[in-house]
């Protein structure tokens, strides 16, 4: 897939390149980049994102609560929706929600 998209004009423009510029990085280059990331790199990236978030406030917040799910859990969303709907509507409508 990388080898096909490396010639794509839209991907070139996203990379601040002209559509008729030479192709973007090859698949082996992308693989080396993907495989070179270390846990320390990820922690630095995390710090960078948190700092950008904090900098977006006029005043630095005292605390930040991050509610991050590690995977898409449609069951929890569905159960929340059923309970919410149950409280708002009749029981017949709840059964067909999810």
N, C-alpha and C. Protein backbone atom coordinates (compact mmCIF):
# COMPACT_ATOMS: atom_id res chain seq x y z
N UNK A 1 0.82 -1.19 0.00
CA UNK A 1 0.00 0.00 0.00
C UNK A 1 0.87 1.26 0.00
N UNK A 2 1.95 1.27 0.82
CA UNK A 2 2.83 2.44 0.86
C UNK A 2 3.37 2.76 -0.53
N UNK A 3 3.74 1.72 -1.30
CA UNK A 3 4.34 1.96 -2.60
C UNK A 3 3.35 2.56 -3.58
N UNK A 4 2.07 2.31 -3.43
CA UNK A 4 1.06 2.91 -4.29
C UNK A 4 0.82 4.36 -3.90
N UNK A 5 0.69 4.60 -2.60
CA UNK A 5 0.36 5.94 -2.12
C UNK A 5 1.52 6.92 -2.21
N UNK A 6 2.75 6.43 -2.33
CA UNK A 6 3.90 7.34 -2.36
C UNK A 6 3.89 8.22 -3.59
N UNK A 7 3.16 7.82 -4.63
CA UNK A 7 3.06 8.61 -5.86
C UNK A 7 1.79 9.47 -5.89
N UNK A 8 0.93 9.30 -4.92
CA UNK A 8 -0.37 9.99 -4.90
C UNK A 8 -0.18 11.49 -4.73
N UNK A 9 -0.74 12.31 -5.63
CA UNK A 9 -0.58 13.76 -5.55
C UNK A 9 -1.13 14.37 -4.25
N UNK A 10 -2.23 13.81 -3.74
CA UNK A 10 -2.82 14.34 -2.50
C UNK A 10 -1.87 14.12 -1.32
N UNK A 11 -1.28 12.93 -1.24
CA UNK A 11 -0.33 12.65 -0.15
C UNK A 11 0.89 13.55 -0.27
N UNK A 12 1.33 13.82 -1.49
CA UNK A 12 2.45 14.73 -1.68
C UNK A 12 2.10 16.13 -1.17
N UNK A 13 0.89 16.60 -1.47
CA UNK A 13 0.49 17.93 -1.02
C UNK A 13 0.37 17.98 0.50
N UNK A 14 -0.11 16.89 1.12
CA UNK A 14 -0.18 16.82 2.58
C UNK A 14 1.21 16.94 3.18
N UNK A 15 2.21 16.41 2.47
CA UNK A 15 3.60 16.45 2.94
C UNK A 15 4.30 17.74 2.49
N UNK A 16 3.52 18.76 2.12
CA UNK A 16 4.06 20.05 1.66
C UNK A 16 4.96 19.89 0.44
N UNK A 17 4.57 18.99 -0.45
CA UNK A 17 5.30 18.79 -1.70
C UNK A 17 4.35 19.08 -2.86
N UNK A 18 4.90 19.43 -4.00
CA UNK A 18 4.09 19.65 -5.20
C UNK A 18 3.66 18.30 -5.77
N UNK A 19 2.46 18.22 -6.38
CA UNK A 19 1.98 16.95 -6.94
C UNK A 19 2.94 16.31 -7.94
N UNK A 20 3.74 17.13 -8.64
CA UNK A 20 4.65 16.56 -9.63
C UNK A 20 6.07 16.35 -9.09
N UNK A 21 6.28 16.55 -7.77
CA UNK A 21 7.57 16.26 -7.13
C UNK A 21 7.85 14.76 -7.17
N UNK A 22 9.08 14.41 -6.85
CA UNK A 22 9.43 12.98 -6.81
C UNK A 22 8.58 12.27 -5.76
N UNK A 23 8.52 10.94 -5.86
CA UNK A 23 7.69 10.15 -4.96
C UNK A 23 8.14 10.31 -3.50
N UNK A 24 7.20 10.07 -2.60
CA UNK A 24 7.48 10.11 -1.17
C UNK A 24 8.29 8.87 -0.77
N UNK A 25 8.56 8.72 0.51
CA UNK A 25 9.39 7.62 1.01
C UNK A 25 8.84 6.26 0.61
N UNK A 26 9.74 5.33 0.40
CA UNK A 26 9.36 3.98 0.01
C UNK A 26 8.87 3.19 1.22
N UNK A 27 8.27 2.04 0.97
CA UNK A 27 7.75 1.20 2.04
C UNK A 27 8.85 0.77 3.01
N UNK A 28 10.05 0.37 2.53
CA UNK A 28 11.09 0.01 3.49
C UNK A 28 11.49 1.18 4.40
N UNK A 29 11.49 2.39 3.86
CA UNK A 29 11.81 3.56 4.67
C UNK A 29 10.74 3.78 5.74
N UNK A 30 9.48 3.67 5.34
CA UNK A 30 8.38 3.82 6.29
C UNK A 30 8.49 2.76 7.37
N UNK A 31 8.81 1.51 6.99
CA UNK A 31 8.94 0.43 7.97
C UNK A 31 10.06 0.72 8.97
N UNK A 32 11.19 1.24 8.47
CA UNK A 32 12.29 1.56 9.38
C UNK A 32 11.87 2.65 10.37
N UNK A 33 11.12 3.64 9.88
CA UNK A 33 10.64 4.70 10.78
C UNK A 33 9.68 4.11 11.81
N UNK A 34 8.71 3.31 11.36
CA UNK A 34 7.74 2.71 12.27
C UNK A 34 8.41 1.84 13.33
N UNK A 35 9.44 1.10 12.93
CA UNK A 35 10.10 0.17 13.83
C UNK A 35 11.17 0.82 14.70
N UNK A 36 11.49 2.09 14.44
CA UNK A 36 12.53 2.76 15.22
C UNK A 36 11.98 3.47 16.45
N UNK A 37 10.66 3.52 16.59
CA UNK A 37 10.05 4.21 17.73
C UNK A 37 10.28 3.41 19.01
N UNK A 38 10.77 4.10 20.04
CA UNK A 38 11.05 3.45 21.32
C UNK A 38 10.03 3.90 22.36
N UNK A 39 9.95 3.20 23.49
CA UNK A 39 9.07 3.66 24.56
C UNK A 39 9.42 5.08 25.02
N UNK A 40 10.69 5.43 25.03
CA UNK A 40 11.08 6.80 25.42
C UNK A 40 10.54 7.82 24.42
N UNK A 41 10.54 7.47 23.12
CA UNK A 41 9.98 8.35 22.10
C UNK A 41 8.49 8.59 22.36
N UNK A 42 7.78 7.52 22.70
CA UNK A 42 6.34 7.64 22.97
C UNK A 42 6.07 8.51 24.19
N UNK A 43 6.90 8.39 25.22
CA UNK A 43 6.73 9.23 26.40
C UNK A 43 7.00 10.70 26.08
N UNK A 44 8.02 10.96 25.25
CA UNK A 44 8.28 12.35 24.83
C UNK A 44 7.11 12.90 24.02
N UNK A 45 6.54 12.06 23.16
CA UNK A 45 5.38 12.47 22.37
C UNK A 45 4.19 12.76 23.27
N UNK A 46 3.99 11.92 24.28
CA UNK A 46 2.92 12.15 25.25
C UNK A 46 3.11 13.50 25.95
N UNK A 47 4.32 13.76 26.39
CA UNK A 47 4.62 15.04 27.06
C UNK A 47 4.34 16.21 26.13
N UNK A 48 4.71 16.05 24.85
CA UNK A 48 4.50 17.11 23.87
C UNK A 48 3.01 17.41 23.72
N UNK A 49 2.17 16.36 23.58
CA UNK A 49 0.73 16.56 23.44
C UNK A 49 0.13 17.19 24.70
N UNK A 50 0.54 16.73 25.86
CA UNK A 50 0.02 17.29 27.11
C UNK A 50 0.40 18.76 27.22
N UNK A 51 1.64 19.10 26.88
CA UNK A 51 2.07 20.50 26.97
C UNK A 51 1.28 21.38 26.01
N UNK A 52 1.02 20.89 24.79
CA UNK A 52 0.22 21.67 23.84
C UNK A 52 -1.20 21.88 24.38
N UNK A 53 -1.74 20.86 25.03
CA UNK A 53 -3.08 20.97 25.61
C UNK A 53 -3.08 22.01 26.73
N UNK A 54 -2.11 21.93 27.62
CA UNK A 54 -2.03 22.88 28.74
C UNK A 54 -1.83 24.29 28.20
N UNK A 55 -1.00 24.43 27.18
CA UNK A 55 -0.74 25.76 26.59
C UNK A 55 -1.98 26.36 25.94
N UNK A 56 -2.99 25.54 25.65
CA UNK A 56 -4.19 26.05 25.00
C UNK A 56 -5.09 26.82 25.97
N UNK A 57 -4.82 26.74 27.28
CA UNK A 57 -5.61 27.46 28.28
C UNK A 57 -5.01 28.84 28.52
N UNK A 58 -5.87 29.79 28.88
CA UNK A 58 -5.38 31.11 29.28
C UNK A 58 -4.58 31.00 30.58
N UNK A 59 -5.07 30.18 31.50
CA UNK A 59 -4.37 29.90 32.76
C UNK A 59 -4.15 28.40 32.86
N UNK A 60 -2.99 28.00 33.37
CA UNK A 60 -2.69 26.58 33.50
C UNK A 60 -3.65 25.94 34.49
N UNK A 61 -4.31 24.83 34.11
CA UNK A 61 -5.25 24.18 35.03
C UNK A 61 -4.51 23.52 36.20
N UNK A 62 -5.21 23.41 37.33
CA UNK A 62 -4.62 22.75 38.51
C UNK A 62 -4.48 21.25 38.28
N UNK A 63 -5.42 20.68 37.54
CA UNK A 63 -5.40 19.24 37.28
C UNK A 63 -6.05 18.97 35.93
N UNK A 64 -5.66 17.86 35.34
CA UNK A 64 -6.25 17.41 34.07
C UNK A 64 -6.65 15.95 34.25
N UNK A 65 -7.88 15.64 33.92
CA UNK A 65 -8.35 14.26 33.97
C UNK A 65 -8.50 13.76 32.54
N UNK A 66 -7.78 12.70 32.20
CA UNK A 66 -7.87 12.11 30.88
C UNK A 66 -8.68 10.84 30.98
N UNK A 67 -9.77 10.75 30.23
CA UNK A 67 -10.61 9.56 30.19
C UNK A 67 -10.37 8.90 28.84
N UNK A 68 -9.41 7.98 28.79
CA UNK A 68 -8.99 7.38 27.54
C UNK A 68 -9.29 5.89 27.57
N UNK A 69 -10.04 5.43 26.57
CA UNK A 69 -10.30 4.00 26.43
C UNK A 69 -9.23 3.40 25.54
N UNK A 70 -8.79 2.19 25.86
CA UNK A 70 -7.74 1.56 25.08
C UNK A 70 -8.26 0.90 23.81
N UNK A 71 -9.57 0.76 23.69
CA UNK A 71 -10.14 0.17 22.50
C UNK A 71 -11.58 0.66 22.36
N UNK A 72 -12.09 0.51 21.15
CA UNK A 72 -13.48 0.90 20.90
C UNK A 72 -14.39 -0.16 21.52
N UNK A 73 -15.19 0.24 22.47
CA UNK A 73 -16.05 -0.70 23.18
C UNK A 73 -17.50 -0.30 22.92
N UNK A 74 -18.04 -0.79 21.83
CA UNK A 74 -19.41 -0.42 21.48
C UNK A 74 -20.43 -0.97 22.47
N UNK A 75 -20.06 -2.02 23.21
CA UNK A 75 -20.98 -2.59 24.20
C UNK A 75 -21.27 -1.58 25.30
N UNK A 76 -20.23 -0.93 25.82
CA UNK A 76 -20.43 0.06 26.88
C UNK A 76 -21.26 1.22 26.39
N UNK A 77 -20.96 1.67 25.17
CA UNK A 77 -21.72 2.78 24.60
C UNK A 77 -23.18 2.37 24.45
N UNK A 78 -23.40 1.16 23.97
CA UNK A 78 -24.76 0.67 23.77
C UNK A 78 -25.49 0.55 25.11
N UNK A 79 -24.83 0.01 26.13
CA UNK A 79 -25.47 -0.12 27.44
C UNK A 79 -25.81 1.25 28.02
N UNK A 80 -24.89 2.23 27.84
CA UNK A 80 -25.18 3.58 28.30
C UNK A 80 -26.41 4.13 27.56
N UNK A 81 -26.43 3.92 26.25
CA UNK A 81 -27.55 4.43 25.45
C UNK A 81 -28.86 3.79 25.86
N UNK A 82 -28.83 2.49 26.13
CA UNK A 82 -30.05 1.79 26.57
C UNK A 82 -30.55 2.38 27.89
N UNK A 83 -29.63 2.55 28.85
CA UNK A 83 -30.03 3.09 30.15
C UNK A 83 -30.55 4.51 30.01
N UNK A 84 -29.86 5.31 29.21
CA UNK A 84 -30.30 6.70 29.00
C UNK A 84 -31.69 6.72 28.37
N UNK A 85 -31.85 5.88 27.34
CA UNK A 85 -33.14 5.84 26.65
C UNK A 85 -34.23 5.30 27.57
N UNK A 86 -33.89 4.30 28.39
CA UNK A 86 -34.87 3.73 29.32
C UNK A 86 -35.41 4.80 30.26
N UNK A 87 -34.52 5.65 30.71
CA UNK A 87 -34.95 6.70 31.64
C UNK A 87 -35.78 7.76 30.95
N UNK A 88 -35.59 7.93 29.67
CA UNK A 88 -36.27 8.99 28.94
C UNK A 88 -37.52 8.53 28.20
N UNK A 89 -37.54 7.24 27.82
CA UNK A 89 -38.64 6.76 26.97
C UNK A 89 -39.22 5.47 27.51
N UNK A 90 -40.15 4.94 26.77
CA UNK A 90 -40.81 3.70 27.19
C UNK A 90 -39.91 2.48 26.96
N UNK A 91 -40.19 1.39 27.63
CA UNK A 91 -39.40 0.17 27.55
C UNK A 91 -39.42 -0.45 26.15
N UNK A 92 -40.49 -0.28 25.40
CA UNK A 92 -40.58 -0.86 24.06
C UNK A 92 -39.53 -0.28 23.12
N UNK A 93 -39.27 0.99 23.27
CA UNK A 93 -38.29 1.64 22.39
C UNK A 93 -36.87 1.26 22.74
N UNK A 94 -36.61 0.95 23.99
CA UNK A 94 -35.26 0.61 24.43
C UNK A 94 -34.78 -0.67 23.74
N UNK A 95 -35.62 -1.66 23.62
CA UNK A 95 -35.22 -2.95 23.08
C UNK A 95 -34.69 -2.84 21.66
N UNK A 96 -35.14 -1.88 20.89
CA UNK A 96 -34.70 -1.76 19.51
C UNK A 96 -33.59 -0.74 19.33
N UNK A 97 -33.03 -0.23 20.40
CA UNK A 97 -32.02 0.83 20.28
C UNK A 97 -30.72 0.34 19.69
N UNK A 98 -30.20 -0.81 20.16
CA UNK A 98 -28.87 -1.29 19.71
C UNK A 98 -28.99 -2.45 18.75
